[in-house]
């Protein structure tokens, strides 16, 4: 009986060691994935910061002004404003209000 218990305990110890090893390997694999994702996030954040800086650089008013003048555009002149025609006086039913 004692010998059988020792064999069973030995097998249980080997099984437990194998399970611990498998868990350890899975943990390392997941850790590696996490580190890879963290690096990808850092690269994406760096790219975003660079793109924001580029957007601000390209959107500077003095740059846009220079480009618009090169295209023959200029400030708006008062003659370019158009007044809308006066609205005709209509009753609410003629405009479709309340239907």
Foldseek 3Di string as FASTA:
>chain_A
DVVVVVVVVVVVVVVVVVVVVVVVVVVVVVVVVVVVVVVVVVVVVVVVVVVVVVVCVCPDPVNVQVVCVVVVDDDDDPVPDDDDDDDDDDDCVVVVPPD
